[in-house]
């Protein structure tokens, strides 16, 4: 069965309305997600990667500040079909140690044009976060087909 991960599916024309009212339902129903965005943490994350978190910033408030929303991570090592469009100015924030791989292709072709971002366990702890702009990665700018998250089981 397909899982969804990282950020919710949305349409740029209805971005703010969708994100405010519909994001939690869509994400809770899939994974990027086997858990819900309301704080439930995936079994795989609590057992092996409790110090890693992903936040999606796909909308801005009235002052133009990006609003980041925490999302459950996929089960470590498993490819998750995301199959979602994203705004060109979207951002995501990765916290803690781990390796995140995103591709414009589905899981069966994930390696094609995959973007990999790695946070070493010696340089990143749970409170160490870095913000990334989707526009900096032409391969996934505007669309993510699949994602894989992995981490060292000793990374705490």
C-alpha atoms as a PDB file:
ATOM      1  CA  UNK A   1       0.000   0.000   0.000  1.00  0.00           C
ATOM      2  CA  UNK A   2       1.247   3.453  -0.798  1.00  0.00           C
ATOM      3  CA  UNK A   3       2.232   5.863   1.940  1.00  0.00           C
ATOM      4  CA  UNK A   4       2.493   9.640   1.684  1.00  0.00           C
ATOM      5  CA  UNK A   5       5.176  11.674   3.409  1.00  0.00           C
ATOM      6  CA  UNK A   6       6.663  15.072   4.173  1.00  0.00           C
ATOM      7  CA  UNK A   7       4.195  17.699   2.919  1.00  0.00           C
ATOM      8  CA  UNK A   8       0.536  17.770   1.913  1.00  0.00           C
ATOM      9  CA  UNK A   9      -0.863  17.782  -1.597  1.00  0.00           C
ATOM     10  CA  UNK A  10      -2.294  21.107  -2.669  1.00  0.00           C
ATOM     11  CA  UNK A  11      -3.130  23.378  -5.556  1.00  0.00           C
ATOM     12  CA  UNK A  12      -1.435  26.786  -5.734  1.00  0.00           C
ATOM     13  CA  UNK A  13      -4.682  28.620  -6.524  1.00  0.00           C
ATOM     14  CA  UNK A  14      -6.332  27.560  -3.293  1.00  0.00           C
ATOM     15  CA  UNK A  15      -3.156  27.250  -1.222  1.00  0.00           C
ATOM     16  CA  UNK A  16      -4.010  29.269   1.874  1.00  0.00           C
ATOM     17  CA  UNK A  17      -7.568  27.946   2.211  1.00  0.00           C
ATOM     18  CA  UNK A  18      -6.459  24.378   1.645  1.00  0.00           C
ATOM     19  CA  UNK A  19      -3.555  24.591   4.049  1.00  0.00           C
ATOM     20  CA  UNK A  20      -5.559  26.193   6.808  1.00  0.00           C
ATOM     21  CA  UNK A  21      -8.621  23.961   6.620  1.00  0.00           C
ATOM     22  CA  UNK A  22      -7.796  20.792   4.704  1.00  0.00           C
ATOM     23  CA  UNK A  23      -4.157  19.975   5.316  1.00  0.00           C
ATOM     24  CA  UNK A  24      -4.578  18.043   8.530  1.00  0.00           C
ATOM     25  CA  UNK A  25      -7.260  15.751   7.123  1.00  0.00           C
ATOM     26  CA  UNK A  26      -5.309  14.929   3.963  1.00  0.00           C
ATOM     27  CA  UNK A  27      -2.074  14.310   5.805  1.00  0.00           C
ATOM     28  CA  UNK A  28      -3.670  12.313   8.592  1.00  0.00           C
ATOM     29  CA  UNK A  29      -5.207  10.021   5.977  1.00  0.00           C
ATOM     30  CA  UNK A  30      -1.907   9.270   4.255  1.00  0.00           C
ATOM     31  CA  UNK A  31       1.863   9.716   4.926  1.00  0.00           C
ATOM     32  CA  UNK A  32       3.830  11.209   3.981  1.00  0.00           C
ATOM     33  CA  UNK A  33       2.324   9.405   6.821  1.00  0.00           C
ATOM     34  CA  UNK A  34       1.218   6.665   8.977  1.00  0.00           C
ATOM     35  CA  UNK A  35       0.578   9.058  11.819  1.00  0.00           C
ATOM     36  CA  UNK A  36      -1.313  12.318  12.008  1.00  0.00           C
ATOM     37  CA  UNK A  37       0.030  15.855  12.033  1.00  0.00           C
ATOM     38  CA  UNK A  38      -1.752  16.549  15.286  1.00  0.00           C
ATOM     39  CA  UNK A  39       1.225  15.307  17.258  1.00  0.00           C
ATOM     40  CA  UNK A  40       1.069  11.586  16.795  1.00  0.00           C
ATOM     41  CA  UNK A  41       4.510  10.260  16.063  1.00  0.00           C
ATOM     42  CA  UNK A  42       5.160   7.270  13.876  1.00  0.00           C
ATOM     43  CA  UNK A  43       6.255   4.040  15.523  1.00  0.00           C
ATOM     44  CA  UNK A  44       9.398   4.008  13.397  1.00  0.00           C
ATOM     45  CA  UNK A  45      10.283   7.553  14.388  1.00  0.00           C
ATOM     46  CA  UNK A  46       9.936   6.980  18.125  1.00  0.00           C
ATOM     47  CA  UNK A  47      11.891   3.746  17.988  1.00  0.00           C
ATOM     48  CA  UNK A  48      14.816   4.879  15.854  1.00  0.00           C
ATOM     49  CA  UNK A  49      14.678   8.606  15.087  1.00  0.00           C
ATOM     50  CA  UNK A  50      13.121  10.602  17.916  1.00  0.00           C
ATOM     51  CA  UNK A  51      15.440  13.553  17.284  1.00  0.00           C
ATOM     52  CA  UNK A  52      14.423  14.110  13.652  1.00  0.00           C
ATOM     53  CA  UNK A  53      11.535  16.275  12.449  1.00  0.00           C
ATOM     54  CA  UNK A  54      10.277  17.729   9.178  1.00  0.00           C
ATOM     55  CA  UNK A  55       8.255  20.930   8.843  1.00  0.00           C
ATOM     56  CA  UNK A  56       6.599  22.172   5.658  1.00  0.00           C
ATOM     57  CA  UNK A  57       6.279  25.873   4.940  1.00  0.00           C
ATOM     58  CA  UNK A  58       3.816  26.118   2.086  1.00  0.00           C
ATOM     59  CA  UNK A  59       1.910  29.207   3.168  1.00  0.00           C
ATOM     60  CA  UNK A  60       2.619  32.669   4.551  1.00  0.00           C
ATOM     61  CA  UNK A  61       0.810  34.773   7.110  1.00  0.00           C
ATOM     62  CA  UNK A  62      -0.449  38.311   6.420  1.00  0.00           C
ATOM     63  CA  UNK A  63       3.025  39.736   7.166  1.00  0.00           C
ATOM     64  CA  UNK A  64       4.616  37.406   4.608  1.00  0.00           C
ATOM     65  CA  UNK A  65       6.288  35.137   7.172  1.00  0.00           C
ATOM     66  CA  UNK A  66       6.448  31.466   6.193  1.00  0.00           C
ATOM     67  CA  UNK A  67       4.246  29.315   8.432  1.00  0.00           C
ATOM     68  CA  UNK A  68       5.871  25.945   9.149  1.00  0.00           C
ATOM     69  CA  UNK A  69       3.702  22.957  10.059  1.00  0.00           C
ATOM     70  CA  UNK A  70       5.211  19.817  11.573  1.00  0.00           C
ATOM     71  CA  UNK A  71       4.625  16.559   9.736  1.00  0.00           C
ATOM     72  CA  UNK A  72       5.219  12.970  10.749  1.00  0.00           C
ATOM     73  CA  UNK A  73       8.173  11.284   9.123  1.00  0.00           C
ATOM     74  CA  UNK A  74       7.736   8.153   7.023  1.00  0.00           C
ATOM     75  CA  UNK A  75       8.900   4.843   8.442  1.00  0.00           C
ATOM     76  CA  UNK A  76      12.711   5.017   8.223  1.00  0.00           C
ATOM     77  CA  UNK A  77      14.075   3.378   5.091  1.00  0.00           C
ATOM     78  CA  UNK A  78      10.707   2.996   3.362  1.00  0.00           C
ATOM     79  CA  UNK A  79       9.932   4.923   0.194  1.00  0.00           C
ATOM     80  CA  UNK A  80       6.708   6.917   0.389  1.00  0.00           C
ATOM     81  CA  UNK A  81       4.825   8.113  -2.672  1.00  0.00           C
ATOM     82  CA  UNK A  82       4.109  11.805  -2.151  1.00  0.00           C
ATOM     83  CA  UNK A  83       2.797  12.673  -5.633  1.00  0.00           C
ATOM     84  CA  UNK A  84       2.096  16.306  -4.724  1.00  0.00           C
ATOM     85  CA  UNK A  85       2.415  19.733  -6.300  1.00  0.00           C
ATOM     86  CA  UNK A  86       3.996  22.497  -4.231  1.00  0.00           C
ATOM     87  CA  UNK A  87       4.240  26.265  -4.641  1.00  0.00           C
ATOM     88  CA  UNK A  88       7.470  27.419  -6.264  1.00  0.00           C
ATOM     89  CA  UNK A  89       8.276  29.529  -3.197  1.00  0.00           C
ATOM     90  CA  UNK A  90       7.605  26.646  -0.767  1.00  0.00           C
ATOM     91  CA  UNK A  91      10.107  25.813   1.962  1.00  0.00           C
ATOM     92  CA  UNK A  92      10.780  22.934   4.283  1.00  0.00           C
ATOM     93  CA  UNK A  93      12.666  22.775   7.566  1.00  0.00           C
ATOM     94  CA  UNK A  94      14.622  19.685   8.597  1.00  0.00           C
ATOM     95  CA  UNK A  95      15.626  19.241  12.223  1.00  0.00           C
ATOM     96  CA  UNK A  96      17.944  16.748  13.829  1.00  0.00           C
ATOM     97  CA  UNK A  97      20.057  14.033  12.269  1.00  0.00           C
ATOM     98  CA  UNK A  98      19.016  11.956   9.281  1.00  0.00           C
ATOM     99  CA  UNK A  99      19.027  11.637   5.536  1.00  0.00           C
ATOM    100  CA  UNK A 100      16.104  12.857   3.447  1.00  0.00           C
ATOM    101  CA  UNK A 101      15.819  11.884  -0.209  1.00  0.00           C
ATOM    102  CA  UNK A 102      13.152  13.418  -2.461  1.00  0.00           C
ATOM    103  CA  UNK A 103      12.489  12.675  -6.115  1.00  0.00           C
ATOM    104  CA  UNK A 104      10.106  13.906  -8.794  1.00  0.00           C
ATOM    105  CA  UNK A 105       9.449  10.237  -9.613  1.00  0.00           C
ATOM    106  CA  UNK A 106       7.344   7.634  -7.784  1.00  0.00           C
ATOM    107  CA  UNK A 107       8.989   5.050  -5.524  1.00  0.00           C
ATOM    108  CA  UNK A 108       9.650   2.581  -8.353  1.00  0.00           C
ATOM    109  CA  UNK A 109      11.913   5.180 -10.073  1.00  0.00           C
ATOM    110  CA  UNK A 110      12.942   7.156  -6.955  1.00  0.00           C
ATOM    111  CA  UNK A 111      16.666   7.286  -7.778  1.00  0.00           C
ATOM    112  CA  UNK A 112      16.046   9.304 -10.961  1.00  0.00           C
ATOM    113  CA  UNK A 113      16.820  12.980 -10.213  1.00  0.00           C
ATOM    114  CA  UNK A 114      16.648  12.348  -6.458  1.00  0.00           C
ATOM    115  CA  UNK A 115      17.762  15.154  -4.153  1.00  0.00           C
ATOM    116  CA  UNK A 116      19.455  13.983  -0.969  1.00  0.00           C
ATOM    117  CA  UNK A 117      19.974  16.146   2.095  1.00  0.00           C
ATOM    118  CA  UNK A 118      21.955  14.725   4.975  1.00  0.00           C
ATOM    119  CA  UNK A 119      22.254  16.006   8.536  1.00  0.00           C
ATOM    120  CA  UNK A 120      25.062  14.213  10.381  1.00  0.00           C
ATOM    121  CA  UNK A 121      24.430  13.096  13.945  1.00  0.00           C
ATOM    122  CA  UNK A 122      27.598  14.932  15.025  1.00  0.00           C
ATOM    123  CA  UNK A 123      26.403  18.279  13.605  1.00  0.00           C
ATOM    124  CA  UNK A 124      22.625  18.163  14.164  1.00  0.00           C
ATOM    125  CA  UNK A 125      20.645  17.504  17.325  1.00  0.00           C
ATOM    126  CA  UNK A 126      16.897  17.686  17.813  1.00  0.00           C
ATOM    127  CA  UNK A 127      17.020  21.475  18.189  1.00  0.00           C
ATOM    128  CA  UNK A 128      19.311  22.068  15.181  1.00  0.00           C
ATOM    129  CA  UNK A 129      17.194  22.908  12.141  1.00  0.00           C
ATOM    130  CA  UNK A 130      17.923  24.139   8.654  1.00  0.00           C
ATOM    131  CA  UNK A 131      15.437  25.715   6.231  1.00  0.00           C
ATOM    132  CA  UNK A 132      15.554  24.750   2.553  1.00  0.00           C
ATOM    133  CA  UNK A 133      13.790  26.396  -0.394  1.00  0.00           C
ATOM    134  CA  UNK A 134      12.192  24.067  -2.935  1.00  0.00           C
ATOM    135  CA  UNK A 135      13.292  26.502  -5.648  1.00  0.00           C
ATOM    136  CA  UNK A 136      16.941  25.692  -4.831  1.00  0.00           C
ATOM    137  CA  UNK A 137      16.379  22.144  -6.107  1.00  0.00           C
ATOM    138  CA  UNK A 138      15.216  22.182  -9.730  1.00  0.00           C
ATOM    139  CA  UNK A 139      14.515  18.447  -9.551  1.00  0.00           C
ATOM    140  CA  UNK A 140      11.712  18.880  -6.996  1.00  0.00           C
ATOM    141  CA  UNK A 141      10.758  22.528  -7.494  1.00  0.00           C
ATOM    142  CA  UNK A 142       6.978  22.450  -7.746  1.00  0.00           C
ATOM    143  CA  UNK A 143       6.491  18.671  -7.451  1.00  0.00           C
ATOM    144  CA  UNK A 144       7.661  15.803  -5.243  1.00  0.00           C
ATOM    145  CA  UNK A 145       6.866  12.282  -6.401  1.00  0.00           C
ATOM    146  CA  UNK A 146       8.412  10.243  -3.589  1.00  0.00           C
ATOM    147  CA  UNK A 147      10.500  10.561  -0.436  1.00  0.00           C
ATOM    148  CA  UNK A 148      12.696   8.369   1.746  1.00  0.00           C
ATOM    149  CA  UNK A 149      13.884   9.171   5.260  1.00  0.00           C
ATOM    150  CA  UNK A 150      16.665   7.236   6.971  1.00  0.00           C
ATOM    151  CA  UNK A 151      18.573   7.730  10.191  1.00  0.00           C
ATOM    152  CA  UNK A 152      21.132   6.044  12.362  1.00  0.00           C
ATOM    153  CA  UNK A 153      19.346   4.103  15.109  1.00  0.00           C
ATOM    154  CA  UNK A 154      21.885   5.523  17.574  1.00  0.00           C
ATOM    155  CA  UNK A 155      21.072   9.118  16.642  1.00  0.00           C
ATOM    156  CA  UNK A 156      19.312  10.586  19.648  1.00  0.00           C
END
